[in-house]
Amino acid sequence: MSLKGHLVVFAKEPRIGRVKSRLAADIGKVPAWIFYRQTLAKVFRRLEGQGRWHCWIAIAPDHAVNSPSLAKNKWHCIGQGDGDLGHRMGRVMHGMPSGPVVIIGTDIPDISVDHISQAFDALGSHECVFGPATDGGYWLVGQKRRPLVIDLFNNVRWSTEHALADTLANVPSGRKVALLDTLEDVDDGASFARWQNRKEP
């Protein structure tokens, strides 16, 4: 019997001025904070998966694991730890209990259970899975962890159009990689406006 997977949402403590800084520069700190809180709530509510996977929040800063705003949901909460994004994701990827691991962020408000199901399904026949973003990064990364690619996030140029390509270059030859749908991060005013236009009336 295959092991149940682990879905980990990387998030920041939802405080005004501490989240969505690029978006806040375009639409204001309070609207960006409201958008972030709403997106976070939707992710928690939508992606529980009816027991199909274990649900985790990796929060920054670490002391926010005790935040009242996170205590309302049933997800396990852990700190991200120190270092750049690659160090933090690598630490969490390595530290999860047995089973495949899928990590997502909070920049895709429309991410669905189907997206997560597709990622775990892909890890049945691939060692790694990515959800590409239109800006050259990625909104999802997952590993079967049999064996774990330890150096997957080494020397990645984060927050650039090279992030996905740099990460793929770290996948050892012979390991199978699956790519999911390409989605757009909502991280500035232009992408926020496009997301609003895509929403159903």
C-alpha atoms as a PDB file:
ATOM      1  CA  MET A   1       0.000   0.000   0.000  1.00  0.00           C
ATOM      2  CA  SER A   2       1.396   3.419  -0.935  1.00  0.00           C
ATOM      3  CA  LEU A   3       2.088   5.951   1.798  1.00  0.00           C
ATOM      4  CA  LYS A   4      -0.219   8.938   2.155  1.00  0.00           C
ATOM      5  CA  GLY A   5       1.379  12.137   0.870  1.00  0.00           C
ATOM      6  CA  HIS A   6       2.099  15.394   2.671  1.00  0.00           C
ATOM      7  CA  LEU A   7       0.855  18.746   1.333  1.00  0.00           C
ATOM      8  CA  VAL A   8       2.846  21.658   2.766  1.00  0.00           C
ATOM      9  CA  VAL A   9       1.726  25.271   2.306  1.00  0.00           C
ATOM     10  CA  PHE A  10       4.558  27.785   2.675  1.00  0.00           C
ATOM     11  CA  ALA A  11       3.082  30.949   4.165  1.00  0.00           C
ATOM     12  CA  LYS A  12       3.936  34.102   6.066  1.00  0.00           C
ATOM     13  CA  GLU A  13       2.182  35.291   9.185  1.00  0.00           C
ATOM     14  CA  PRO A  14      -0.674  37.454   7.805  1.00  0.00           C
ATOM     15  CA  ARG A  15       0.340  40.868   9.171  1.00  0.00           C
ATOM     16  CA  ILE A  16      -0.137  44.202   7.408  1.00  0.00           C
ATOM     17  CA  GLY A  17       3.077  45.328   5.754  1.00  0.00           C
ATOM     18  CA  ARG A  18       4.720  41.894   6.077  1.00  0.00           C
ATOM     19  CA  VAL A  19       3.023  40.103   3.179  1.00  0.00           C
ATOM     20  CA  LYS A  20       2.715  40.596  -0.609  1.00  0.00           C
ATOM     21  CA  SER A  21       5.187  43.502  -0.682  1.00  0.00           C
ATOM     22  CA  ARG A  22       5.266  43.769  -4.487  1.00  0.00           C
ATOM     23  CA  LEU A  23       1.487  43.721  -4.676  1.00  0.00           C
ATOM     24  CA  ALA A  24       1.259  46.209  -1.805  1.00  0.00           C
ATOM     25  CA  ALA A  25       3.494  48.633  -3.701  1.00  0.00           C
ATOM     26  CA  ASP A  26       0.886  48.681  -6.486  1.00  0.00           C
ATOM     27  CA  ILE A  27      -2.474  48.446  -4.686  1.00  0.00           C
ATOM     28  CA  GLY A  28      -1.662  49.453  -1.090  1.00  0.00           C
ATOM     29  CA  LYS A  29      -0.699  47.564   2.057  1.00  0.00           C
ATOM     30  CA  VAL A  30      -4.223  47.033   3.385  1.00  0.00           C
ATOM     31  CA  PRO A  31      -5.768  45.711   0.127  1.00  0.00           C
ATOM     32  CA  ALA A  32      -2.745  43.422  -0.337  1.00  0.00           C
ATOM     33  CA  TRP A  33      -3.106  42.156   3.240  1.00  0.00           C
ATOM     34  CA  ILE A  34      -6.832  41.508   2.754  1.00  0.00           C
ATOM     35  CA  PHE A  35      -6.112  39.612  -0.465  1.00  0.00           C
ATOM     36  CA  TYR A  36      -3.457  37.532   1.303  1.00  0.00           C
ATOM     37  CA  ARG A  37      -5.705  36.658   4.253  1.00  0.00           C
ATOM     38  CA  GLN A  38      -8.544  35.691   1.921  1.00  0.00           C
ATOM     39  CA  THR A  39      -6.246  33.584  -0.254  1.00  0.00           C
ATOM     40  CA  LEU A  40      -4.782  31.828   2.781  1.00  0.00           C
ATOM     41  CA  ALA A  41      -8.256  31.041   4.129  1.00  0.00           C
ATOM     42  CA  LYS A  42      -9.345  29.680   0.742  1.00  0.00           C
ATOM     43  CA  VAL A  43      -6.255  27.480   0.493  1.00  0.00           C
ATOM     44  CA  PHE A  44      -6.837  25.976   3.938  1.00  0.00           C
ATOM     45  CA  ARG A  45     -10.536  25.396   3.299  1.00  0.00           C
ATOM     46  CA  ARG A  46     -10.221  24.151  -0.274  1.00  0.00           C
ATOM     47  CA  LEU A  47      -7.198  21.878  -0.076  1.00  0.00           C
ATOM     48  CA  GLU A  48      -7.903  19.744   2.982  1.00  0.00           C
ATOM     49  CA  GLY A  49      -8.508  16.933   0.510  1.00  0.00           C
ATOM     50  CA  GLN A  50     -10.966  14.934   2.608  1.00  0.00           C
ATOM     51  CA  GLY A  51      -8.163  12.927   4.170  1.00  0.00           C
ATOM     52  CA  ARG A  52      -6.386  12.070   0.924  1.00  0.00           C
ATOM     53  CA  TRP A  53      -3.165  13.696   2.166  1.00  0.00           C
ATOM     54  CA  HIS A  54      -1.697  15.076   5.378  1.00  0.00           C
ATOM     55  CA  CYS A  55      -1.964  18.883   5.595  1.00  0.00           C
ATOM     56  CA  TRP A  56       0.858  21.075   6.889  1.00  0.00           C
ATOM     57  CA  ILE A  57       1.536  24.814   7.153  1.00  0.00           C
ATOM     58  CA  ALA A  58       5.183  25.909   7.130  1.00  0.00           C
ATOM     59  CA  ILE A  59       5.004  29.414   8.552  1.00  0.00           C
ATOM     60  CA  ALA A  60       7.443  32.323   8.772  1.00  0.00           C
ATOM     61  CA  PRO A  61       8.575  33.659  11.134  1.00  0.00           C
ATOM     62  CA  ASP A  62       8.830  30.529  13.259  1.00  0.00           C
ATOM     63  CA  HIS A  63       7.163  32.050  16.336  1.00  0.00           C
ATOM     64  CA  ALA A  64       3.977  32.457  14.280  1.00  0.00           C
ATOM     65  CA  VAL A  65       3.240  28.748  14.784  1.00  0.00           C
ATOM     66  CA  ASN A  66       1.319  29.973  17.844  1.00  0.00           C
ATOM     67  CA  SER A  67      -0.618  32.646  15.935  1.00  0.00           C
ATOM     68  CA  PRO A  68      -4.351  32.687  16.811  1.00  0.00           C
ATOM     69  CA  SER A  69      -5.147  33.254  13.126  1.00  0.00           C
ATOM     70  CA  LEU A  70      -3.674  29.827  12.321  1.00  0.00           C
ATOM     71  CA  ALA A  71      -5.173  27.981  15.282  1.00  0.00           C
ATOM     72  CA  LYS A  72      -8.640  27.951  13.685  1.00  0.00           C
ATOM     73  CA  ASN A  73      -7.800  25.318  11.080  1.00  0.00           C
ATOM     74  CA  LYS A  74      -6.943  21.642  11.458  1.00  0.00           C
ATOM     75  CA  TRP A  75      -3.595  21.761   9.657  1.00  0.00           C
ATOM     76  CA  HIS A  76      -0.332  20.844  11.388  1.00  0.00           C
ATOM     77  CA  CYS A  77       1.793  23.992  11.774  1.00  0.00           C
ATOM     78  CA  ILE A  78       5.604  24.071  11.699  1.00  0.00           C
ATOM     79  CA  GLY A  79       8.205  26.811  11.333  1.00  0.00           C
ATOM     80  CA  GLN A  80      10.138  27.246   8.088  1.00  0.00           C
ATOM     81  CA  GLY A  81      13.459  27.863   9.822  1.00  0.00           C
ATOM     82  CA  ASP A  82      16.310  30.086   8.645  1.00  0.00           C
ATOM     83  CA  GLY A  83      17.914  30.615   5.249  1.00  0.00           C
ATOM     84  CA  ASP A  84      16.735  31.510   1.777  1.00  0.00           C
ATOM     85  CA  LEU A  85      13.683  29.914   0.200  1.00  0.00           C
ATOM     86  CA  GLY A  86      15.707  26.982  -1.102  1.00  0.00           C
ATOM     87  CA  HIS A  87      17.197  26.175   2.303  1.00  0.00           C
ATOM     88  CA  ARG A  88      13.772  26.387   3.933  1.00  0.00           C
ATOM     89  CA  MET A  89      12.023  24.213   1.353  1.00  0.00           C
ATOM     90  CA  GLY A  90      14.853  21.705   1.404  1.00  0.00           C
ATOM     91  CA  ARG A  91      14.670  21.465   5.191  1.00  0.00           C
ATOM     92  CA  VAL A  92      10.916  20.863   5.127  1.00  0.00           C
ATOM     93  CA  MET A  93      11.145  18.432   2.207  1.00  0.00           C
ATOM     94  CA  HIS A  94      13.761  16.416   4.098  1.00  0.00           C
ATOM     95  CA  GLY A  95      12.045  16.609   7.484  1.00  0.00           C
ATOM     96  CA  MET A  96       8.551  15.408   6.635  1.00  0.00           C
ATOM     97  CA  PRO A  97       7.471  11.904   7.745  1.00  0.00           C
ATOM     98  CA  SER A  98       7.604   9.079   5.189  1.00  0.00           C
ATOM     99  CA  GLY A  99       5.658   9.554   1.974  1.00  0.00           C
ATOM    100  CA  PRO A 100       5.718  11.910  -1.024  1.00  0.00           C
ATOM    101  CA  VAL A 101       5.789  15.651  -0.327  1.00  0.00           C
ATOM    102  CA  VAL A 102       4.198  18.481  -2.311  1.00  0.00           C
ATOM    103  CA  ILE A 103       4.978  22.115  -1.433  1.00  0.00           C
ATOM    104  CA  ILE A 104       2.947  25.103  -2.615  1.00  0.00           C
ATOM    105  CA  GLY A 105       2.958  28.812  -1.856  1.00  0.00           C
ATOM    106  CA  THR A 106       0.136  31.310  -1.498  1.00  0.00           C
ATOM    107  CA  ASP A 107       0.470  33.230  -4.771  1.00  0.00           C
ATOM    108  CA  ILE A 108      -2.152  31.213  -6.703  1.00  0.00           C
ATOM    109  CA  PRO A 109      -5.620  31.998  -5.282  1.00  0.00           C
ATOM    110  CA  ASP A 110      -7.363  29.600  -7.668  1.00  0.00           C
ATOM    111  CA  ILE A 111      -5.312  26.501  -6.863  1.00  0.00           C
ATOM    112  CA  SER A 112      -7.650  23.535  -6.492  1.00  0.00           C
ATOM    113  CA  VAL A 113      -7.875  20.043  -5.042  1.00  0.00           C
ATOM    114  CA  ASP A 114      -7.544  18.764  -8.614  1.00  0.00           C
ATOM    115  CA  HIS A 115      -4.129  20.425  -8.946  1.00  0.00           C
ATOM    116  CA  ILE A 116      -2.922  18.744  -5.756  1.00  0.00           C
ATOM    117  CA  SER A 117      -4.391  15.381  -6.767  1.00  0.00           C
ATOM    118  CA  GLN A 118      -2.617  15.625 -10.132  1.00  0.00           C
ATOM    119  CA  ALA A 119       0.680  16.332  -8.358  1.00  0.00           C
ATOM    120  CA  PHE A 120       0.435  13.321  -6.064  1.00  0.00           C
ATOM    121  CA  ASP A 121      -0.753  11.136  -8.947  1.00  0.00           C
ATOM    122  CA  ALA A 122       2.287  12.235 -10.966  1.00  0.00           C
ATOM    123  CA  LEU A 123       4.578  11.205  -8.115  1.00  0.00           C
ATOM    124  CA  GLY A 124       3.304   7.670  -8.522  1.00  0.00           C
ATOM    125  CA  SER A 125       5.377   7.379 -11.698  1.00  0.00           C
ATOM    126  CA  HIS A 126       7.827  10.324 -11.471  1.00  0.00           C
ATOM    127  CA  GLU A 127      10.470  11.324  -8.944  1.00  0.00           C
ATOM    128  CA  CYS A 128       9.695  15.051  -9.112  1.00  0.00           C
ATOM    129  CA  VAL A 129       6.742  17.232 -10.099  1.00  0.00           C
ATOM    130  CA  PHE A 130       6.547  20.972 -10.780  1.00  0.00           C
ATOM    131  CA  GLY A 131       3.759  23.446 -11.392  1.00  0.00           C
ATOM    132  CA  PRO A 132       5.324  26.050 -13.705  1.00  0.00           C
ATOM    133  CA  ALA A 133       4.423  29.724 -13.342  1.00  0.00           C
ATOM    134  CA  THR A 134       4.170  32.161 -16.233  1.00  0.00           C
ATOM    135  CA  ASP A 135       7.048  34.246 -14.833  1.00  0.00           C
ATOM    136  CA  GLY A 136       9.591  31.414 -15.016  1.00  0.00           C
ATOM    137  CA  GLY A 137       9.177  30.281 -11.433  1.00  0.00           C
ATOM    138  CA  TYR A 138       6.898  27.586 -10.094  1.00  0.00           C
ATOM    139  CA  TRP A 139       3.827  27.430  -7.893  1.00  0.00           C
ATOM    140  CA  LEU A 140       4.286  23.794  -6.826  1.00  0.00           C
ATOM    141  CA  VAL A 141       7.167  21.409  -6.283  1.00  0.00           C
ATOM    142  CA  GLY A 142       6.978  17.818  -5.144  1.00  0.00           C
ATOM    143  CA  GLN A 143       9.208  14.808  -4.631  1.00  0.00           C
ATOM    144  CA  LYS A 144       8.537  11.121  -4.238  1.00  0.00           C
ATOM    145  CA  ARG A 145      11.642  11.074  -1.960  1.00  0.00           C
ATOM    146  CA  ARG A 146      12.660   7.545  -2.954  1.00  0.00           C
ATOM    147  CA  PRO A 147      15.413   8.642  -3.007  1.00  0.00           C
ATOM    148  CA  LEU A 148      15.262  12.312  -2.046  1.00  0.00           C
ATOM    149  CA  VAL A 149      17.019  14.781  -4.368  1.00  0.00           C
ATOM    150  CA  ILE A 150      18.918  16.538  -1.586  1.00  0.00           C
ATOM    151  CA  ASP A 151      20.411  19.357  -3.687  1.00  0.00           C
ATOM    152  CA  LEU A 152      17.238  20.204  -5.624  1.00  0.00           C
ATOM    153  CA  PHE A 153      17.207  23.853  -4.540  1.00  0.00           C
ATOM    154  CA  ASN A 154      20.939  24.617  -4.688  1.00  0.00           C
ATOM    155  CA  ASN A 155      22.045  27.784  -6.538  1.00  0.00           C
ATOM    156  CA  VAL A 156      18.528  28.676  -7.672  1.00  0.00           C
ATOM    157  CA  ARG A 157      18.016  32.313  -8.639  1.00  0.00           C
ATOM    158  CA  TRP A 158      14.839  32.920  -6.682  1.00  0.00           C
ATOM    159  CA  SER A 159      12.324  35.585  -7.745  1.00  0.00           C
ATOM    160  CA  THR A 160      13.695  35.567 -11.296  1.00  0.00           C
ATOM    161  CA  GLU A 161      12.621  34.021 -14.584  1.00  0.00           C
ATOM    162  CA  HIS A 162      15.361  31.408 -14.072  1.00  0.00           C
ATOM    163  CA  ALA A 163      13.973  29.760 -10.919  1.00  0.00           C
ATOM    164  CA  LEU A 164      12.302  26.772 -12.587  1.00  0.00           C
ATOM    165  CA  ALA A 165      15.128  26.171 -15.067  1.00  0.00           C
ATOM    166  CA  ASP A 166      17.731  26.360 -12.288  1.00  0.00           C
ATOM    167  CA  THR A 167      15.801  23.852 -10.177  1.00  0.00           C
ATOM    168  CA  LEU A 168      15.266  21.456 -13.077  1.00  0.00           C
ATOM    169  CA  ALA A 169      19.008  21.575 -13.741  1.00  0.00           C
ATOM    170  CA  ASN A 170      19.532  20.110 -10.255  1.00  0.00           C
ATOM    171  CA  VAL A 171      17.452  17.001 -10.980  1.00  0.00           C
ATOM    172  CA  PRO A 172      19.879  14.103 -11.516  1.00  0.00           C
ATOM    173  CA  SER A 173      19.962  12.463 -14.932  1.00  0.00           C
ATOM    174  CA  GLY A 174      17.546   9.579 -15.190  1.00  0.00           C
ATOM    175  CA  ARG A 175      15.009  10.934 -12.694  1.00  0.00           C
ATOM    176  CA  LYS A 176      11.569  11.410 -14.220  1.00  0.00           C
ATOM    177  CA  VAL A 177       9.972  14.867 -13.924  1.00  0.00           C
ATOM    178  CA  ALA A 178       6.291  15.724 -14.415  1.00  0.00           C
ATOM    179  CA  LEU A 179       5.026  19.222 -15.237  1.00  0.00           C
ATOM    180  CA  LEU A 180       1.523  20.382 -14.339  1.00  0.00           C
ATOM    181  CA  ASP A 181      -0.494  23.265 -15.825  1.00  0.00           C
ATOM    182  CA  THR A 182       1.236  26.628 -16.114  1.00  0.00           C
ATOM    183  CA  LEU A 183      -0.479  29.162 -13.832  1.00  0.00           C
ATOM    184  CA  GLU A 184       0.052  32.844 -13.072  1.00  0.00           C
ATOM    185  CA  ASP A 185       1.233  34.100  -9.689  1.00  0.00           C
ATOM    186  CA  VAL A 186      -0.706  37.062  -8.324  1.00  0.00           C
ATOM    187  CA  ASP A 187       2.168  39.122  -6.986  1.00  0.00           C
ATOM    188  CA  ASP A 188       1.814  42.606  -8.485  1.00  0.00           C
ATOM    189  CA  GLY A 189      -0.873  45.034  -9.605  1.00  0.00           C
ATOM    190  CA  ALA A 190      -1.002  43.815 -13.201  1.00  0.00           C
ATOM    191  CA  SER A 191      -1.428  40.139 -12.279  1.00  0.00           C
ATOM    192  CA  PHE A 192      -3.968  41.123  -9.606  1.00  0.00           C
ATOM    193  CA  ALA A 193      -6.038  42.958 -12.229  1.00  0.00           C
ATOM    194  CA  ARG A 194      -5.872  39.971 -14.585  1.00  0.00           C
ATOM    195  CA  TRP A 195      -6.954  37.650 -11.779  1.00  0.00           C
ATOM    196  CA  GLN A 196      -9.922  39.892 -10.970  1.00  0.00           C
ATOM    197  CA  ASN A 197     -10.952  39.874 -14.633  1.00  0.00           C
ATOM    198  CA  ARG A 198     -10.789  36.060 -14.703  1.00  0.00           C
ATOM    199  CA  LYS A 199     -13.028  35.638 -11.685  1.00  0.00           C
ATOM    200  CA  GLU A 200     -16.585  34.610 -12.345  1.00  0.00           C
ATOM    201  CA  PRO A 201     -19.152  37.408 -11.940  1.00  0.00           C
END
